[in-house]
C-alpha cells in the first residue's frame, strides 16, 4: 500500500512539474499586423514592410495567415512546444479553414521552425517545410544574414500556400461536381429528381467543411544551425 501511494505521489509530482513547465512558455503579445512579430529585431525595415504586404495579399487571396515571429531566446523551452503555444495564442488562420502557418526564429538558440495548421498540412507538408528551411533559411543564417533568411523563407512559404490552396480548391470542387453528375444520372433514372434536390441542399456545407481556427498539433519542421 505504501509503495502504491508513493507511486501515486510521484506521478502527481511529475505531472505538476510538467504542467508548470508548459505554463512557463511566455509568448509575447501581438503588436501591429500579425504577419510580422519581430521581437529579436532581426528584420530590417524594408523586409518588414515586404512581409506585411505579402501577408495581407495572401490572406486576401486565400484567407490563410502566414506569420513570422522572432524571439531573443526560447528560455529553455522546446521550439516545437513554443511554436505550438504561439500558434494558438495568435489564433493563426481562418477559424473555419484552420489555415495558418507560423515561422518561428529563436536567435540565441540558433533554431528555426515552421509550424503548420491542420488545414494546410496537406499543402505545407513536413517534408516540404523541411526543404524550405534547408534551402531558403539555413544557408543564410549560417552566414549571419538573418533578415534575408527569414524573408526568403517567408516568400517560399507564400508561394507554396498560394499555389497549393488554388490546386486544393480546384481539385475539391472538381471531385464534388463529378460525384454530383453520377447522382444526377442515377436520380433521373430511378428516383425522379429526389436525390438531386437532396445533394444540391448539401453542396454548400460540403464546399465549406473545415475545422477550428488557431489549432496546430506539431505539423511542420525545425532546424538548428
Protein backbone atom coordinates (compact mmCIF):
# COMPACT_ATOMS: atom_id res chain seq x y z
CA UNK A 1 0.00 0.00 0.00
CA UNK A 2 2.82 2.38 0.90
CA UNK A 3 4.55 1.69 -2.45
CA UNK A 4 1.28 2.33 -4.24
CA UNK A 5 0.76 5.69 -2.50
CA UNK A 6 4.37 6.64 -3.19
CA UNK A 7 3.89 5.87 -6.87
CA UNK A 8 0.72 7.99 -6.99
CA UNK A 9 2.54 10.86 -5.30
CA UNK A 10 5.44 10.60 -7.73
CA UNK A 11 3.14 10.60 -10.75
CA UNK A 12 1.28 13.60 -9.38
CA UNK A 13 4.52 15.45 -8.74
CA UNK A 14 5.82 14.76 -12.26
CA UNK A 15 2.50 15.84 -13.78
CA UNK A 16 2.56 19.07 -11.78
CA UNK A 17 6.15 19.67 -12.81
CA UNK A 18 5.30 19.14 -16.49
CA UNK A 19 2.26 21.40 -16.24
CA UNK A 20 4.34 24.06 -14.56
CA UNK A 21 6.99 23.80 -17.27
CA UNK A 22 4.42 24.30 -20.02
CA UNK A 23 3.00 27.29 -18.18
CA UNK A 24 6.44 28.92 -18.27
CA UNK A 25 6.26 29.38 -22.04
CA UNK A 26 5.77 33.11 -22.37
CA UNK A 27 4.81 34.21 -25.85
CA UNK A 28 4.92 37.98 -26.48
CA UNK A 29 1.61 39.66 -27.25
CA UNK A 30 0.78 40.66 -30.79
CA UNK A 31 1.79 44.17 -31.81
CA UNK A 32 0.52 45.62 -35.08
CA UNK A 33 -0.08 43.36 -38.06
CA UNK A 34 0.02 39.67 -37.18
CA UNK A 35 2.23 38.88 -40.17
CA UNK A 36 5.42 40.19 -38.55
CA UNK A 37 6.25 39.98 -34.83
CA UNK A 38 9.97 40.78 -34.70
CA UNK A 39 10.92 40.68 -31.02
CA UNK A 40 14.55 39.78 -31.74
CA UNK A 41 14.93 42.82 -34.01
CA UNK A 42 16.50 40.90 -36.88
CA UNK A 43 14.36 42.15 -39.77
CA UNK A 44 15.26 45.41 -41.45
CA UNK A 45 12.55 47.96 -42.21
CA UNK A 46 12.33 47.18 -45.92
CA UNK A 47 11.96 43.43 -45.38
CA UNK A 48 9.38 44.01 -42.65
CA UNK A 49 7.19 46.05 -44.99
CA UNK A 50 7.61 43.47 -47.76
CA UNK A 51 6.47 40.63 -45.50
CA UNK A 52 3.48 42.59 -44.20
CA UNK A 53 2.38 43.31 -47.77
CA UNK A 54 2.80 39.67 -48.76
CA UNK A 55 0.92 38.53 -45.66
CA UNK A 56 -2.03 40.80 -46.40
CA UNK A 57 -2.11 39.73 -50.05
CA UNK A 58 -2.03 36.04 -49.11
CA UNK A 59 -4.84 36.41 -46.59
CA UNK A 60 -6.95 38.43 -49.01
CA UNK A 61 -6.45 35.81 -51.72
CA UNK A 62 -6.68 32.54 -49.77
CA UNK A 63 -7.80 33.53 -46.22
CA UNK A 64 -4.59 31.83 -44.97
CA UNK A 65 -2.42 33.66 -42.42
CA UNK A 66 1.37 33.42 -42.62
CA UNK A 67 3.21 34.98 -39.68
CA UNK A 68 6.86 35.29 -38.67
CA UNK A 69 7.82 35.52 -35.00
CA UNK A 70 11.37 36.21 -33.89
CA UNK A 71 12.38 35.96 -30.23
CA UNK A 72 15.69 36.53 -28.41
CA UNK A 73 15.58 33.10 -26.73
CA UNK A 74 13.42 30.04 -26.11
CA UNK A 75 14.42 30.32 -22.43
CA UNK A 76 14.97 26.59 -22.16
CA UNK A 77 11.73 25.58 -23.85
CA UNK A 78 11.44 23.13 -26.72
CA UNK A 79 10.99 25.02 -30.01
CA UNK A 80 8.14 22.75 -31.12
CA UNK A 81 6.20 23.39 -27.92
CA UNK A 82 6.95 27.11 -28.08
CA UNK A 83 5.77 27.33 -31.69
CA UNK A 84 2.59 25.42 -30.89
CA UNK A 85 1.84 27.72 -27.95
CA UNK A 86 2.50 30.84 -30.04
CA UNK A 87 0.36 29.50 -32.87
CA UNK A 88 -2.58 29.02 -30.53
CA UNK A 89 -2.11 32.35 -28.75
CA UNK A 90 -2.16 34.27 -32.03
CA UNK A 91 -5.07 32.21 -33.35
CA UNK A 92 -3.44 31.91 -36.75
CA UNK A 93 -5.56 31.06 -39.74
CA UNK A 94 -9.20 31.32 -40.67
CA UNK A 95 -11.36 29.89 -37.87
CA UNK A 96 -13.24 27.68 -40.31
CA UNK A 97 -10.35 26.55 -42.52
CA UNK A 98 -7.61 26.49 -39.84
CA UNK A 99 -5.09 27.59 -42.47
CA UNK A 100 -2.35 29.32 -40.53
CA UNK A 101 1.44 28.95 -40.70
CA UNK A 102 3.99 30.30 -38.22
CA UNK A 103 7.67 30.85 -38.95
CA UNK A 104 9.48 30.98 -35.59
CA UNK A 105 13.12 32.05 -35.19
CA UNK A 106 14.95 31.89 -31.85
CA UNK A 107 18.11 33.98 -32.21
CA UNK A 108 20.30 32.91 -29.27
CA UNK A 109 19.29 29.27 -29.58
CA UNK A 110 20.11 29.29 -33.30
CA UNK A 111 16.90 27.43 -34.07
CA UNK A 112 14.12 27.96 -36.59
CA UNK A 113 10.76 26.22 -37.08
CA UNK A 114 7.79 26.20 -39.42
CA UNK A 115 4.54 25.37 -37.59
CA UNK A 116 1.57 24.41 -39.77
CA UNK A 117 -2.16 24.48 -39.00
CA UNK A 118 -4.36 21.44 -39.68
CA UNK A 119 -5.94 22.99 -42.76
CA UNK A 120 -2.61 23.37 -44.58
CA UNK A 121 -0.80 20.19 -43.53
CA UNK A 122 -1.57 18.69 -46.94
CA UNK A 123 -0.02 21.71 -48.67
CA UNK A 124 2.91 22.61 -46.40
CA UNK A 125 3.91 19.04 -45.59
CA UNK A 126 6.65 18.13 -43.13
CA UNK A 127 8.96 17.19 -45.99
CA UNK A 128 8.26 20.37 -47.92
CA UNK A 129 8.68 22.63 -44.90
CA UNK A 130 12.00 20.92 -44.12
CA UNK A 131 13.25 21.52 -47.66
CA UNK A 132 12.23 25.18 -47.45
CA UNK A 133 14.27 25.61 -44.28
CA UNK A 134 17.26 23.79 -45.77
CA UNK A 135 17.23 25.83 -48.97
CA UNK A 136 15.85 29.25 -48.01
CA UNK A 137 16.91 29.72 -44.38
CA UNK A 138 19.87 27.69 -43.15
CA UNK A 139 22.49 28.76 -45.75
CA UNK A 140 21.83 32.43 -44.97
CA UNK A 141 21.53 32.01 -41.22
CA UNK A 142 24.95 30.35 -41.16
CA UNK A 143 26.34 33.48 -42.80
CA UNK A 144 24.59 35.74 -40.29
CA UNK A 145 22.14 37.10 -42.87
CA UNK A 146 19.08 36.74 -40.65
CA UNK A 147 16.76 39.21 -42.36
CA UNK A 148 17.44 37.69 -45.77
CA UNK A 149 16.96 34.16 -44.41
CA UNK A 150 13.56 34.94 -42.92
CA UNK A 151 12.42 36.92 -45.95
CA UNK A 152 13.41 34.14 -48.36
CA UNK A 153 11.69 31.53 -46.20
CA UNK A 154 8.54 33.63 -45.90
CA UNK A 155 8.42 34.10 -49.67
CA UNK A 156 8.89 30.36 -50.26
CA UNK A 157 6.03 29.57 -47.87
CA UNK A 158 3.92 32.27 -49.50
CA UNK A 159 4.29 30.65 -52.94
CA UNK A 160 3.63 27.13 -51.65
CA UNK A 161 0.48 28.20 -49.77
CA UNK A 162 -0.82 30.32 -52.66
CA UNK A 163 -0.35 27.61 -55.29
CA UNK A 164 -1.37 24.78 -53.00
CA UNK A 165 -4.58 26.49 -51.90
CA UNK A 166 -5.61 27.09 -55.51
CA UNK A 167 -4.90 23.50 -56.54
CA UNK A 168 -6.61 22.04 -53.48
CA UNK A 169 -9.70 24.16 -54.02
CA UNK A 170 -9.89 23.27 -57.71
CA UNK A 171 -9.42 19.56 -57.02
CA UNK A 172 -12.07 19.53 -54.30
CA UNK A 173 -14.63 21.33 -56.47
CA UNK A 174 -13.96 19.06 -59.48
CA UNK A 175 -14.40 15.96 -57.33
CA UNK A 176 -17.70 17.22 -55.96
CA UNK A 177 -19.03 18.01 -59.41
CA UNK A 178 -18.07 14.55 -60.72
CA UNK A 179 -19.86 12.96 -57.78
CA UNK A 180 -22.88 15.19 -58.35
CA UNK A 181 -23.11 14.16 -62.01
CA UNK A 182 -23.25 10.49 -61.04
CA UNK A 183 -26.01 11.17 -58.53
CA UNK A 184 -28.00 13.18 -61.07
CA UNK A 185 -27.87 10.37 -63.63
CA UNK A 186 -28.94 7.77 -61.06
CA UNK A 187 -31.59 10.10 -59.70
CA UNK A 188 -33.15 10.79 -63.08
CA UNK A 189 -33.22 7.09 -63.92
CA UNK A 190 -34.63 5.72 -60.68
CA UNK A 191 -35.81 8.42 -58.23
CA UNK A 192 -37.35 11.21 -60.34
CA UNK A 193 -35.07 14.02 -59.05
CA UNK A 194 -35.26 13.33 -55.30
CA UNK A 195 -31.50 12.74 -54.93
CA UNK A 196 -30.66 15.84 -56.97
CA UNK A 197 -32.69 18.02 -54.63
CA UNK A 198 -31.00 16.42 -51.61
CA UNK A 199 -27.43 16.85 -52.96
CA UNK A 200 -27.99 20.47 -54.02
CA UNK A 201 -29.04 21.28 -50.47
CA UNK A 202 -25.94 19.60 -49.05
CA UNK A 203 -23.46 21.11 -51.52
CA UNK A 204 -22.80 24.43 -49.69
CA UNK A 205 -21.94 22.55 -46.49
CA UNK A 206 -19.61 20.19 -48.37
CA UNK A 207 -17.74 23.03 -50.03
CA UNK A 208 -17.20 24.84 -46.74
CA UNK A 209 -16.44 21.87 -44.48
CA UNK A 210 -13.48 22.59 -42.16
CA UNK A 211 -12.10 22.56 -38.62
CA UNK A 212 -11.37 25.18 -35.97
CA UNK A 213 -9.03 28.16 -36.06
CA UNK A 214 -5.64 28.58 -34.41
CA UNK A 215 -5.14 24.86 -33.99
CA UNK A 216 -1.81 23.17 -34.62
CA UNK A 217 -0.53 19.93 -33.18
CA UNK A 218 3.03 19.54 -34.34
CA UNK A 219 2.84 19.70 -38.13
CA UNK A 220 5.94 21.29 -39.65
CA UNK A 221 9.72 21.13 -39.35
CA UNK A 222 12.56 22.73 -37.42
CA UNK A 223 16.30 23.11 -37.77
CA UNK A 224 19.26 24.04 -35.60
CA UNK A 225 22.31 25.59 -37.20
